Each structure stands twice: as structure tokens, then as C-alpha cells.
Amino acid sequence: MRTVQLTLDEELVTAVDKVAAKLGTTRSGFTRDALRAALTRWREQALERKHREGYLRRPPKHTE
């Protein structure tokens, strides 16, 4: 694992720390999970955009 530095607003750090404590994890663990979830969402949205663009380029026929 690699250590990285992030600059965050104080309110965000406080909110993350509260939630992490309730979940029984660390700030780093919470942040890793949040980043993984964000990347998954981004990938899904990218696939949806690609799918939508494909239908715009080749709309389905009424017989399909």
C-alpha cells in the first residue's frame, strides 16, 4: 500500500472521522472504501454513456 497526502476541509475530516468511528474503521479505511465506490460509480456511468451514445448513433428499429 502507498501513503498519499490529501488536503481536505476541516468539516469533511470531522464528518469522515465520525462516520469511520461509527463503522469501526479508520479514516484511511473509510477513504479507501469511498474512493473505490466512486471509481465503481464512474465506470458504471461511463458504460451507460457509451451505451446511450451507441443507441443515438444506431437507434433501434421499430421491429426490434
PDB file of N, CA and C in Angstrom:
ATOM      1  N   MET A   1       0.835  -1.169   0.000  1.00  0.00           N
ATOM      2  CA  MET A   1       0.000   0.000   0.000  1.00  0.00           C
ATOM      3  C   MET A   1       0.885   1.238   0.000  1.00  0.00           C
ATOM      4  N   ARG A   2       0.380   2.291  -0.592  1.00  0.00           N
ATOM      5  CA  ARG A   2       1.120   3.537  -0.688  1.00  0.00           C
ATOM      6  C   ARG A   2       0.495   4.582   0.209  1.00  0.00           C
ATOM      7  N   THR A   3       1.296   5.442   0.782  1.00  0.00           N
ATOM      8  CA  THR A   3       0.803   6.557   1.582  1.00  0.00           C
ATOM      9  C   THR A   3       0.735   7.788   0.693  1.00  0.00           C
ATOM     10  N   VAL A   4      -0.419   8.481   0.726  1.00  0.00           N
ATOM     11  CA  VAL A   4      -0.596   9.712  -0.035  1.00  0.00           C
ATOM     12  C   VAL A   4      -1.140  10.790   0.893  1.00  0.00           C
ATOM     13  N   GLN A   5      -0.867  12.022   0.539  1.00  0.00           N
ATOM     14  CA  GLN A   5      -1.399  13.140   1.313  1.00  0.00           C
ATOM     15  C   GLN A   5      -2.575  13.741   0.577  1.00  0.00           C
ATOM     16  N   LEU A   6      -3.590  14.143   1.339  1.00  0.00           N
ATOM     17  CA  LEU A   6      -4.747  14.815   0.775  1.00  0.00           C
ATOM     18  C   LEU A   6      -4.993  16.092   1.557  1.00  0.00           C
ATOM     19  N   THR A   7      -5.461  17.106   0.889  1.00  0.00           N
ATOM     20  CA  THR A   7      -5.861  18.331   1.555  1.00  0.00           C
ATOM     21  C   THR A   7      -7.379  18.362   1.563  1.00  0.00           C
ATOM     22  N   LEU A   8      -7.962  18.375   2.756  1.00  0.00           N
ATOM     23  CA  LEU A   8      -9.412  18.336   2.905  1.00  0.00           C
ATOM     24  C   LEU A   8      -9.880  19.454   3.818  1.00  0.00           C
ATOM     25  N   ASP A   9     -11.115  19.895   3.601  1.00  0.00           N
ATOM     26  CA  ASP A   9     -11.723  20.876   4.504  1.00  0.00           C
ATOM     27  C   ASP A   9     -11.873  20.260   5.887  1.00  0.00           C
ATOM     28  N   GLU A  10     -11.733  21.070   6.901  1.00  0.00           N
ATOM     29  CA  GLU A  10     -11.833  20.597   8.282  1.00  0.00           C
ATOM     30  C   GLU A  10     -13.179  19.923   8.550  1.00  0.00           C
ATOM     31  N   GLU A  11     -14.258  20.490   7.984  1.00  0.00           N
ATOM     32  CA  GLU A  11     -15.592  19.905   8.197  1.00  0.00           C
ATOM     33  C   GLU A  11     -15.682  18.505   7.609  1.00  0.00           C
ATOM     34  N   LEU A  12     -15.040  18.309   6.464  1.00  0.00           N
ATOM     35  CA  LEU A  12     -15.060  17.000   5.826  1.00  0.00           C
ATOM     36  C   LEU A  12     -14.289  15.987   6.664  1.00  0.00           C
ATOM     37  N   VAL A  13     -13.150  16.380   7.178  1.00  0.00           N
ATOM     38  CA  VAL A  13     -12.352  15.483   8.027  1.00  0.00           C
ATOM     39  C   VAL A  13     -13.154  15.093   9.263  1.00  0.00           C
ATOM     40  N   THR A  14     -13.812  16.066   9.867  1.00  0.00           N
ATOM     41  CA  THR A  14     -14.611  15.798  11.070  1.00  0.00           C
ATOM     42  C   THR A  14     -15.741  14.824  10.752  1.00  0.00           C
ATOM     43  N   ALA A  15     -16.435  15.046   9.639  1.00  0.00           N
ATOM     44  CA  ALA A  15     -17.534  14.166   9.253  1.00  0.00           C
ATOM     45  C   ALA A  15     -17.035  12.752   8.957  1.00  0.00           C
ATOM     46  N   VAL A  16     -15.919  12.648   8.246  1.00  0.00           N
ATOM     47  CA  VAL A  16     -15.345  11.337   7.931  1.00  0.00           C
ATOM     48  C   VAL A  16     -14.941  10.619   9.214  1.00  0.00           C
ATOM     49  N   ASP A  17     -14.308  11.324  10.127  1.00  0.00           N
ATOM     50  CA  ASP A  17     -13.884  10.709  11.385  1.00  0.00           C
ATOM     51  C   ASP A  17     -15.067  10.181  12.181  1.00  0.00           C
ATOM     52  N   LYS A  18     -16.169  10.932  12.214  1.00  0.00           N
ATOM     53  CA  LYS A  18     -17.364  10.483  12.944  1.00  0.00           C
ATOM     54  C   LYS A  18     -17.942   9.224  12.327  1.00  0.00           C
ATOM     55  N   VAL A  19     -18.077   9.221  11.018  1.00  0.00           N
ATOM     56  CA  VAL A  19     -18.652   8.051  10.343  1.00  0.00           C
ATOM     57  C   VAL A  19     -17.711   6.858  10.454  1.00  0.00           C
ATOM     58  N   ALA A  20     -16.431   7.082  10.272  1.00  0.00           N
ATOM     59  CA  ALA A  20     -15.457   5.990  10.374  1.00  0.00           C
ATOM     60  C   ALA A  20     -15.523   5.347  11.752  1.00  0.00           C
ATOM     61  N   ALA A  21     -15.633   6.168  12.790  1.00  0.00           N
ATOM     62  CA  ALA A  21     -15.725   5.630  14.159  1.00  0.00           C
ATOM     63  C   ALA A  21     -16.990   4.797  14.322  1.00  0.00           C
ATOM     64  N   LYS A  22     -18.110   5.274  13.783  1.00  0.00           N
ATOM     65  CA  LYS A  22     -19.364   4.518  13.880  1.00  0.00           C
ATOM     66  C   LYS A  22     -19.280   3.200  13.126  1.00  0.00           C
ATOM     67  N   LEU A  23     -18.522   3.190  12.039  1.00  0.00           N
ATOM     68  CA  LEU A  23     -18.369   1.970  11.242  1.00  0.00           C
ATOM     69  C   LEU A  23     -17.279   1.051  11.782  1.00  0.00           C
ATOM     70  N   GLY A  24     -16.532   1.546  12.748  1.00  0.00           N
ATOM     71  CA  GLY A  24     -15.453   0.735  13.319  1.00  0.00           C
ATOM     72  C   GLY A  24     -14.257   0.618  12.390  1.00  0.00           C
ATOM     73  N   THR A  25     -13.997   1.652  11.634  1.00  0.00           N
ATOM     74  CA  THR A  25     -12.868   1.643  10.719  1.00  0.00           C
ATOM     75  C   THR A  25     -12.022   2.894  10.953  1.00  0.00           C
ATOM     76  N   THR A  26     -11.012   3.047  10.162  1.00  0.00           N
ATOM     77  CA  THR A  26     -10.136   4.215  10.282  1.00  0.00           C
ATOM     78  C   THR A  26     -10.490   5.235   9.209  1.00  0.00           C
ATOM     79  N   ARG A  27      -9.942   6.411   9.336  1.00  0.00           N
ATOM     80  CA  ARG A  27     -10.112   7.439   8.302  1.00  0.00           C
ATOM     81  C   ARG A  27      -9.598   6.902   6.972  1.00  0.00           C
ATOM     82  N   SER A  28      -8.451   6.254   6.992  1.00  0.00           N
ATOM     83  CA  SER A  28      -7.874   5.709   5.759  1.00  0.00           C
ATOM     84  C   SER A  28      -8.759   4.620   5.166  1.00  0.00           C
ATOM     85  N   GLY A  29      -9.252   3.730   6.019  1.00  0.00           N
ATOM     86  CA  GLY A  29     -10.122   2.658   5.542  1.00  0.00           C
ATOM     87  C   GLY A  29     -11.402   3.196   4.939  1.00  0.00           C
ATOM     88  N   PHE A  30     -12.000   4.161   5.607  1.00  0.00           N
ATOM     89  CA  PHE A  30     -13.209   4.786   5.096  1.00  0.00           C
ATOM     90  C   PHE A  30     -12.936   5.454   3.747  1.00  0.00           C
ATOM     91  N   THR A  31     -11.823   6.165   3.674  1.00  0.00           N
ATOM     92  CA  THR A  31     -11.472   6.878   2.448  1.00  0.00           C
ATOM     93  C   THR A  31     -11.216   5.908   1.301  1.00  0.00           C
ATOM     94  N   ARG A  32     -10.522   4.799   1.580  1.00  0.00           N
ATOM     95  CA  ARG A  32     -10.297   3.788   0.540  1.00  0.00           C
ATOM     96  C   ARG A  32     -11.625   3.256   0.006  1.00  0.00           C
ATOM     97  N   ASP A  33     -12.542   2.928   0.928  1.00  0.00           N
ATOM     98  CA  ASP A  33     -13.851   2.414   0.507  1.00  0.00           C
ATOM     99  C   ASP A  33     -14.615   3.447  -0.309  1.00  0.00           C
ATOM    100  N   ALA A  34     -14.565   4.702   0.126  1.00  0.00           N
ATOM    101  CA  ALA A  34     -15.269   5.773  -0.591  1.00  0.00           C
ATOM    102  C   ALA A  34     -14.681   5.969  -1.983  1.00  0.00           C
ATOM    103  N   LEU A  35     -13.364   5.925  -2.094  1.00  0.00           N
ATOM    104  CA  LEU A  35     -12.725   6.078  -3.397  1.00  0.00           C
ATOM    105  C   LEU A  35     -13.052   4.909  -4.315  1.00  0.00           C
ATOM    106  N   ARG A  36     -13.058   3.689  -3.767  1.00  0.00           N
ATOM    107  CA  ARG A  36     -13.433   2.521  -4.581  1.00  0.00           C
ATOM    108  C   ARG A  36     -14.867   2.652  -5.085  1.00  0.00           C
ATOM    109  N   ALA A  37     -15.768   3.086  -4.198  1.00  0.00           N
ATOM    110  CA  ALA A  37     -17.170   3.261  -4.587  1.00  0.00           C
ATOM    111  C   ALA A  37     -17.298   4.335  -5.664  1.00  0.00           C
ATOM    112  N   ALA A  38     -16.562   5.420  -5.524  1.00  0.00           N
ATOM    113  CA  ALA A  38     -16.607   6.499  -6.519  1.00  0.00           C
ATOM    114  C   ALA A  38     -16.092   6.006  -7.867  1.00  0.00           C
ATOM    115  N   LEU A  39     -15.024   5.221  -7.855  1.00  0.00           N
ATOM    116  CA  LEU A  39     -14.488   4.683  -9.111  1.00  0.00           C
ATOM    117  C   LEU A  39     -15.473   3.715  -9.765  1.00  0.00           C
ATOM    118  N   THR A  40     -16.130   2.898  -8.971  1.00  0.00           N
ATOM    119  CA  THR A  40     -17.143   1.979  -9.498  1.00  0.00           C
ATOM    120  C   THR A  40     -18.282   2.756 -10.135  1.00  0.00           C
ATOM    121  N   ARG A  41     -18.768   3.799  -9.444  1.00  0.00           N
ATOM    122  CA  ARG A  41     -19.828   4.649  -9.997  1.00  0.00           C
ATOM    123  C   ARG A  41     -19.385   5.291 -11.306  1.00  0.00           C
ATOM    124  N   TRP A  42     -18.149   5.779 -11.336  1.00  0.00           N
ATOM    125  CA  TRP A  42     -17.639   6.430 -12.545  1.00  0.00           C
ATOM    126  C   TRP A  42     -17.606   5.441 -13.714  1.00  0.00           C
ATOM    127  N   ARG A  43     -17.128   4.220 -13.453  1.00  0.00           N
ATOM    128  CA  ARG A  43     -17.068   3.205 -14.510  1.00  0.00           C
ATOM    129  C   ARG A  43     -18.466   2.868 -15.025  1.00  0.00           C
ATOM    130  N   GLU A  44     -19.425   2.712 -14.097  1.00  0.00           N
ATOM    131  CA  GLU A  44     -20.795   2.397 -14.498  1.00  0.00           C
ATOM    132  C   GLU A  44     -21.388   3.530 -15.329  1.00  0.00           C
ATOM    133  N   GLN A  45     -21.156   4.763 -14.904  1.00  0.00           N
ATOM    134  CA  GLN A  45     -21.666   5.906 -15.658  1.00  0.00           C
ATOM    135  C   GLN A  45     -21.014   5.994 -17.034  1.00  0.00           C
ATOM    136  N   ALA A  46     -19.735   5.674 -17.123  1.00  0.00           N
ATOM    137  CA  ALA A  46     -19.043   5.682 -18.414  1.00  0.00           C
ATOM    138  C   ALA A  46     -19.647   4.632 -19.346  1.00  0.00           C
ATOM    139  N   LEU A  47     -19.943   3.449 -18.825  1.00  0.00           N
ATOM    140  CA  LEU A  47     -20.572   2.406 -19.649  1.00  0.00           C
ATOM    141  C   LEU A  47     -21.970   2.829 -20.091  1.00  0.00           C
ATOM    142  N   GLU A  48     -22.721   3.466 -19.176  1.00  0.00           N
ATOM    143  CA  GLU A  48     -24.055   3.936 -19.534  1.00  0.00           C
ATOM    144  C   GLU A  48     -23.982   5.005 -20.626  1.00  0.00           C
ATOM    145  N   ARG A  49     -23.007   5.921 -20.511  1.00  0.00           N
ATOM    146  CA  ARG A  49     -22.828   6.945 -21.547  1.00  0.00           C
ATOM    147  C   ARG A  49     -22.506   6.298 -22.894  1.00  0.00           C
ATOM    148  N   LYS A  50     -21.606   5.314 -22.855  1.00  0.00           N
ATOM    149  CA  LYS A  50     -21.210   4.621 -24.087  1.00  0.00           C
ATOM    150  C   LYS A  50     -22.413   3.910 -24.709  1.00  0.00           C
ATOM    151  N   HIS A  51     -23.208   3.270 -23.879  1.00  0.00           N
ATOM    152  CA  HIS A  51     -24.394   2.564 -24.338  1.00  0.00           C
ATOM    153  C   HIS A  51     -25.383   3.557 -24.961  1.00  0.00           C
ATOM    154  N   ARG A  52     -25.617   4.667 -24.259  1.00  0.00           N
ATOM    155  CA  ARG A  52     -26.539   5.692 -24.750  1.00  0.00           C
ATOM    156  C   ARG A  52     -26.056   6.270 -26.089  1.00  0.00           C
ATOM    157  N   GLU A  53     -24.756   6.550 -26.179  1.00  0.00           N
ATOM    158  CA  GLU A  53     -24.188   7.084 -27.425  1.00  0.00           C
ATOM    159  C   GLU A  53     -24.349   6.097 -28.573  1.00  0.00           C
ATOM    160  N   GLY A  54     -24.189   4.810 -28.267  1.00  0.00           N
ATOM    161  CA  GLY A  54     -24.376   3.788 -29.295  1.00  0.00           C
ATOM    162  C   GLY A  54     -25.797   3.778 -29.824  1.00  0.00           C
ATOM    163  N   TYR A  55     -26.773   3.918 -28.932  1.00  0.00           N
ATOM    164  CA  TYR A  55     -28.172   3.956 -29.366  1.00  0.00           C
ATOM    165  C   TYR A  55     -28.479   5.232 -30.140  1.00  0.00           C
ATOM    166  N   LEU A  56     -27.802   6.327 -29.798  1.00  0.00           N
ATOM    167  CA  LEU A  56     -28.006   7.557 -30.569  1.00  0.00           C
ATOM    168  C   LEU A  56     -27.436   7.419 -31.975  1.00  0.00           C
ATOM    169  N   ARG A  57     -26.286   6.737 -32.091  1.00  0.00           N
ATOM    170  CA  ARG A  57     -25.679   6.518 -33.409  1.00  0.00           C
ATOM    171  C   ARG A  57     -26.490   5.524 -34.237  1.00  0.00           C
ATOM    172  N   ARG A  58     -27.012   4.493 -33.570  1.00  0.00           N
ATOM    173  CA  ARG A  58     -27.777   3.444 -34.262  1.00  0.00           C
ATOM    174  C   ARG A  58     -29.043   3.158 -33.460  1.00  0.00           C
ATOM    175  N   PRO A  59     -30.056   3.985 -33.626  1.00  0.00           N
ATOM    176  CA  PRO A  59     -31.296   3.761 -32.867  1.00  0.00           C
ATOM    177  C   PRO A  59     -31.929   2.422 -33.251  1.00  0.00           C
ATOM    178  N   PRO A  60     -32.582   1.804 -32.300  1.00  0.00           N
ATOM    179  CA  PRO A  60     -33.245   0.537 -32.623  1.00  0.00           C
ATOM    180  C   PRO A  60     -34.391   0.767 -33.602  1.00  0.00           C
ATOM    181  N   LYS A  61     -34.621  -0.208 -34.435  1.00  0.00           N
ATOM    182  CA  LYS A  61     -35.733  -0.119 -35.390  1.00  0.00           C
ATOM    183  C   LYS A  61     -37.012  -0.522 -34.660  1.00  0.00           C
ATOM    184  N   HIS A  62     -38.121  -0.110 -35.199  1.00  0.00           N
ATOM    185  CA  HIS A  62     -39.416  -0.422 -34.575  1.00  0.00           C
ATOM    186  C   HIS A  62     -39.665  -1.917 -34.502  1.00  0.00           C
ATOM    187  N   THR A  63     -39.017  -2.672 -35.359  1.00  0.00           N
ATOM    188  CA  THR A  63     -39.216  -4.123 -35.385  1.00  0.00           C
ATOM    189  C   THR A  63     -38.348  -4.841 -34.340  1.00  0.00           C
ATOM    190  N   GLU A  64     -37.455  -4.108 -33.694  1.00  0.00           N
ATOM    191  CA  GLU A  64     -36.564  -4.753 -32.717  1.00  0.00           C
ATOM    192  C   GLU A  64     -37.166  -4.732 -31.340  1.00  0.00           C
TER     193      GLU A  64
END
